[in-house]
Amino acid sequence: MLPSKIIRYFIFLSFFVFVNCKNEKSPVPYGPVDIQLDLNKAEFNSFIVGTHVFITGGGSGLGIVVFRLSQDEFKAYDRMCTSKTHSDWVRLTDSPSSAILLECQECGSRFNLIDGSVNKGPANFYLTEYQTYYNQSLNTLWITN
């Protein structure tokens, strides 16, 4: 009888911890995003697979990074560092160690542009991701939340 009570207690405790962790929110504020990029423009000529571009906008107002995963697949993230160690919002920049990473110059956190994950802390939240819709016939990209 005693082992079953321990198992039930463990299951309850695990559920409680899981729910509480899920409720913690990223520090990136919500702001409406509705951007259309015409990839036919000269400024996007070098925007090839495996590269990224910085554009204005995003919930934080610090900008958006758009990463080209494949010819017709894109990822878009807010450029605000998700570490809660900052007293103010900090913009992510290119990482000198890799073309697929962004880095926070203040806390040293690094983020992977393929999936937005934290490559190195102290940040523990993924980058805030925006939805992307690519129109191949027009070669345009719509970014929204």
C-alpha atoms as a PDB file:
ATOM      1  CA  MET A   1       0.000   0.000   0.000  1.00  0.00           C
ATOM      2  CA  LEU A   2       2.774   2.435   0.848  1.00  0.00           C
ATOM      3  CA  PRO A   3       4.560   2.230  -2.560  1.00  0.00           C
ATOM      4  CA  SER A   4       1.331   3.169  -4.408  1.00  0.00           C
ATOM      5  CA  LYS A   5       0.980   6.315  -2.263  1.00  0.00           C
ATOM      6  CA  ILE A   6       4.561   7.270  -3.074  1.00  0.00           C
ATOM      7  CA  ILE A   7       3.923   6.755  -6.789  1.00  0.00           C
ATOM      8  CA  ARG A   8       0.744   8.866  -6.686  1.00  0.00           C
ATOM      9  CA  TYR A   9       2.578  11.602  -4.787  1.00  0.00           C
ATOM     10  CA  PHE A  10       5.420  11.553  -7.330  1.00  0.00           C
ATOM     11  CA  ILE A  11       2.978  11.785 -10.262  1.00  0.00           C
ATOM     12  CA  PHE A  12       1.133  14.704  -8.629  1.00  0.00           C
ATOM     13  CA  LEU A  13       4.379  16.524  -7.861  1.00  0.00           C
ATOM     14  CA  SER A  14       5.684  15.995 -11.423  1.00  0.00           C
ATOM     15  CA  PHE A  15       2.436  17.339 -12.880  1.00  0.00           C
ATOM     16  CA  PHE A  16       2.558  20.396 -10.609  1.00  0.00           C
ATOM     17  CA  VAL A  17       6.163  21.191 -11.584  1.00  0.00           C
ATOM     18  CA  PHE A  18       5.363  20.696 -15.289  1.00  0.00           C
ATOM     19  CA  VAL A  19       2.340  23.020 -15.180  1.00  0.00           C
ATOM     20  CA  ASN A  20       4.234  25.728 -13.285  1.00  0.00           C
ATOM     21  CA  CYS A  21       7.155  25.634 -15.745  1.00  0.00           C
ATOM     22  CA  LYS A  22       4.782  25.956 -18.681  1.00  0.00           C
ATOM     23  CA  ASN A  23       3.167  29.082 -17.183  1.00  0.00           C
ATOM     24  CA  GLU A  24       6.423  31.039 -17.079  1.00  0.00           C
ATOM     25  CA  LYS A  25       6.407  33.491 -19.964  1.00  0.00           C
ATOM     26  CA  SER A  26       9.134  34.813 -22.181  1.00  0.00           C
ATOM     27  CA  PRO A  27      10.103  38.415 -21.395  1.00  0.00           C
ATOM     28  CA  VAL A  28       9.478  39.462 -25.025  1.00  0.00           C
ATOM     29  CA  PRO A  29       6.364  41.670 -25.133  1.00  0.00           C
ATOM     30  CA  TYR A  30       3.513  41.030 -27.529  1.00  0.00           C
ATOM     31  CA  GLY A  31       3.114  43.516 -30.339  1.00  0.00           C
ATOM     32  CA  PRO A  32       1.253  43.131 -33.628  1.00  0.00           C
ATOM     33  CA  VAL A  33       3.425  41.971 -36.527  1.00  0.00           C
ATOM     34  CA  ASP A  34       2.191  42.148 -40.121  1.00  0.00           C
ATOM     35  CA  ILE A  35       5.113  42.529 -42.552  1.00  0.00           C
ATOM     36  CA  GLN A  36       5.366  41.701 -46.234  1.00  0.00           C
ATOM     37  CA  LEU A  37       8.793  41.346 -47.835  1.00  0.00           C
ATOM     38  CA  ASP A  38       9.283  41.492 -51.581  1.00  0.00           C
ATOM     39  CA  LEU A  39      12.240  39.160 -52.024  1.00  0.00           C
ATOM     40  CA  ASN A  40      12.648  40.365 -55.624  1.00  0.00           C
ATOM     41  CA  LYS A  41      14.170  43.623 -54.340  1.00  0.00           C
ATOM     42  CA  ALA A  42      17.911  44.123 -54.749  1.00  0.00           C
ATOM     43  CA  GLU A  43      18.449  44.239 -50.970  1.00  0.00           C
ATOM     44  CA  PHE A  44      17.515  40.526 -50.821  1.00  0.00           C
ATOM     45  CA  ASN A  45      19.768  39.347 -53.703  1.00  0.00           C
ATOM     46  CA  SER A  46      22.199  37.674 -51.296  1.00  0.00           C
ATOM     47  CA  PHE A  47      19.431  36.191 -49.106  1.00  0.00           C
ATOM     48  CA  ILE A  48      20.168  32.572 -49.976  1.00  0.00           C
ATOM     49  CA  VAL A  49      19.593  29.294 -48.110  1.00  0.00           C
ATOM     50  CA  GLY A  50      21.459  29.262 -44.792  1.00  0.00           C
ATOM     51  CA  THR A  51      21.642  33.039 -44.437  1.00  0.00           C
ATOM     52  CA  HIS A  52      19.618  35.599 -42.508  1.00  0.00           C
ATOM     53  CA  VAL A  53      18.559  39.226 -42.764  1.00  0.00           C
ATOM     54  CA  PHE A  54      17.609  41.766 -40.129  1.00  0.00           C
ATOM     55  CA  ILE A  55      14.448  43.821 -40.644  1.00  0.00           C
ATOM     56  CA  THR A  56      12.604  46.374 -38.523  1.00  0.00           C
ATOM     57  CA  GLY A  57       9.529  45.463 -36.486  1.00  0.00           C
ATOM     58  CA  GLY A  58       8.652  42.851 -33.910  1.00  0.00           C
ATOM     59  CA  GLY A  59       6.869  42.908 -30.595  1.00  0.00           C
ATOM     60  CA  SER A  60       9.885  44.331 -28.801  1.00  0.00           C
ATOM     61  CA  GLY A  61      10.613  46.939 -31.479  1.00  0.00           C
ATOM     62  CA  LEU A  62      14.242  45.712 -31.542  1.00  0.00           C
ATOM     63  CA  GLY A  63      13.803  44.112 -34.954  1.00  0.00           C
ATOM     64  CA  ILE A  64      13.242  40.716 -36.519  1.00  0.00           C
ATOM     65  CA  VAL A  65      15.745  38.238 -37.906  1.00  0.00           C
ATOM     66  CA  VAL A  66      14.573  36.170 -40.886  1.00  0.00           C
ATOM     67  CA  PHE A  67      16.474  32.939 -41.556  1.00  0.00           C
ATOM     68  CA  ARG A  68      16.173  31.063 -44.867  1.00  0.00           C
ATOM     69  CA  LEU A  69      16.009  27.321 -44.105  1.00  0.00           C
ATOM     70  CA  SER A  70      15.430  26.237 -47.704  1.00  0.00           C
ATOM     71  CA  GLN A  71      14.401  27.801 -51.003  1.00  0.00           C
ATOM     72  CA  ASP A  72      10.807  28.129 -49.786  1.00  0.00           C
ATOM     73  CA  GLU A  73      11.013  27.764 -45.978  1.00  0.00           C
ATOM     74  CA  PHE A  74      11.763  30.630 -43.589  1.00  0.00           C
ATOM     75  CA  LYS A  75      11.956  31.276 -39.848  1.00  0.00           C
ATOM     76  CA  ALA A  76      11.374  34.704 -38.291  1.00  0.00           C
ATOM     77  CA  TYR A  77      12.260  35.617 -34.700  1.00  0.00           C
ATOM     78  CA  ASP A  78      12.193  38.709 -32.516  1.00  0.00           C
ATOM     79  CA  ARG A  79      15.729  40.038 -31.914  1.00  0.00           C
ATOM     80  CA  MET A  80      15.200  40.585 -28.179  1.00  0.00           C
ATOM     81  CA  CYS A  81      17.328  38.427 -25.864  1.00  0.00           C
ATOM     82  CA  THR A  82      15.072  36.200 -23.771  1.00  0.00           C
ATOM     83  CA  SER A  83      17.328  36.130 -20.717  1.00  0.00           C
ATOM     84  CA  LYS A  84      15.682  37.542 -17.598  1.00  0.00           C
ATOM     85  CA  THR A  85      19.073  38.703 -16.287  1.00  0.00           C
ATOM     86  CA  HIS A  86      18.844  42.049 -18.120  1.00  0.00           C
ATOM     87  CA  SER A  87      17.527  45.213 -16.537  1.00  0.00           C
ATOM     88  CA  ASP A  88      16.423  46.419 -19.974  1.00  0.00           C
ATOM     89  CA  TRP A  89      15.736  44.944 -23.414  1.00  0.00           C
ATOM     90  CA  VAL A  90      18.846  43.880 -25.336  1.00  0.00           C
ATOM     91  CA  ARG A  91      19.087  43.362 -29.117  1.00  0.00           C
ATOM     92  CA  LEU A  92      20.725  40.205 -30.428  1.00  0.00           C
ATOM     93  CA  THR A  93      23.538  40.479 -32.976  1.00  0.00           C
ATOM     94  CA  ASP A  94      25.448  38.143 -35.275  1.00  0.00           C
ATOM     95  CA  SER A  95      27.606  35.607 -33.483  1.00  0.00           C
ATOM     96  CA  PRO A  96      31.260  35.554 -34.487  1.00  0.00           C
ATOM     97  CA  SER A  97      31.338  31.789 -33.851  1.00  0.00           C
ATOM     98  CA  SER A  98      28.661  30.690 -36.370  1.00  0.00           C
ATOM     99  CA  ALA A  99      26.441  31.998 -39.163  1.00  0.00           C
ATOM    100  CA  ILE A 100      23.400  30.191 -37.723  1.00  0.00           C
ATOM    101  CA  LEU A 101      23.669  31.748 -34.260  1.00  0.00           C
ATOM    102  CA  LEU A 102      22.657  35.085 -32.766  1.00  0.00           C
ATOM    103  CA  GLU A 103      24.370  36.336 -29.639  1.00  0.00           C
ATOM    104  CA  CYS A 104      23.596  38.689 -26.769  1.00  0.00           C
ATOM    105  CA  GLN A 105      26.531  41.018 -26.186  1.00  0.00           C
ATOM    106  CA  GLU A 106      25.392  41.693 -22.617  1.00  0.00           C
ATOM    107  CA  CYS A 107      24.834  38.221 -21.120  1.00  0.00           C
ATOM    108  CA  GLY A 108      26.551  35.970 -23.667  1.00  0.00           C
ATOM    109  CA  SER A 109      23.466  33.899 -24.506  1.00  0.00           C
ATOM    110  CA  ARG A 110      23.449  32.323 -27.967  1.00  0.00           C
ATOM    111  CA  PHE A 111      20.437  31.260 -30.009  1.00  0.00           C
ATOM    112  CA  ASN A 112      20.123  28.852 -32.935  1.00  0.00           C
ATOM    113  CA  LEU A 113      18.367  30.304 -35.995  1.00  0.00           C
ATOM    114  CA  ILE A 114      17.208  26.910 -37.257  1.00  0.00           C
ATOM    115  CA  ASP A 115      14.717  26.429 -34.422  1.00  0.00           C
ATOM    116  CA  GLY A 116      15.142  29.426 -32.069  1.00  0.00           C
ATOM    117  CA  SER A 117      16.580  27.281 -29.281  1.00  0.00           C
ATOM    118  CA  VAL A 118      19.074  28.439 -26.683  1.00  0.00           C
ATOM    119  CA  ASN A 119      22.562  27.269 -27.650  1.00  0.00           C
ATOM    120  CA  LYS A 120      24.223  28.801 -24.570  1.00  0.00           C
ATOM    121  CA  GLY A 121      22.652  30.431 -21.481  1.00  0.00           C
ATOM    122  CA  PRO A 122      21.861  32.147 -19.180  1.00  0.00           C
ATOM    123  CA  ALA A 123      18.742  32.577 -21.358  1.00  0.00           C
ATOM    124  CA  ASN A 124      16.305  29.714 -20.909  1.00  0.00           C
ATOM    125  CA  PHE A 125      13.526  30.727 -23.321  1.00  0.00           C
ATOM    126  CA  TYR A 126      13.533  30.051 -27.051  1.00  0.00           C
ATOM    127  CA  LEU A 127      13.480  33.090 -29.319  1.00  0.00           C
ATOM    128  CA  THR A 128       9.990  34.466 -29.886  1.00  0.00           C
ATOM    129  CA  GLU A 129       8.960  33.097 -33.273  1.00  0.00           C
ATOM    130  CA  TYR A 130       6.632  34.700 -35.809  1.00  0.00           C
ATOM    131  CA  GLN A 131       4.648  32.875 -38.481  1.00  0.00           C
ATOM    132  CA  THR A 132       5.970  33.006 -42.045  1.00  0.00           C
ATOM    133  CA  TYR A 133       4.071  32.403 -45.278  1.00  0.00           C
ATOM    134  CA  TYR A 134       6.008  32.248 -48.538  1.00  0.00           C
ATOM    135  CA  ASN A 135       4.360  32.917 -51.918  1.00  0.00           C
ATOM    136  CA  GLN A 136       6.650  31.237 -54.414  1.00  0.00           C
ATOM    137  CA  SER A 137       4.975  32.636 -57.535  1.00  0.00           C
ATOM    138  CA  LEU A 138       5.396  36.249 -56.313  1.00  0.00           C
ATOM    139  CA  ASN A 139       8.587  35.568 -54.306  1.00  0.00           C
ATOM    140  CA  THR A 140       7.141  37.377 -51.284  1.00  0.00           C
ATOM    141  CA  LEU A 141       7.246  36.544 -47.599  1.00  0.00           C
ATOM    142  CA  TRP A 142       4.534  37.485 -45.108  1.00  0.00           C
ATOM    143  CA  ILE A 143       5.540  37.603 -41.427  1.00  0.00           C
ATOM    144  CA  THR A 144       2.801  37.764 -38.785  1.00  0.00           C
ATOM    145  CA  ASN A 145       1.820  36.706 -35.274  1.00  0.00           C
END
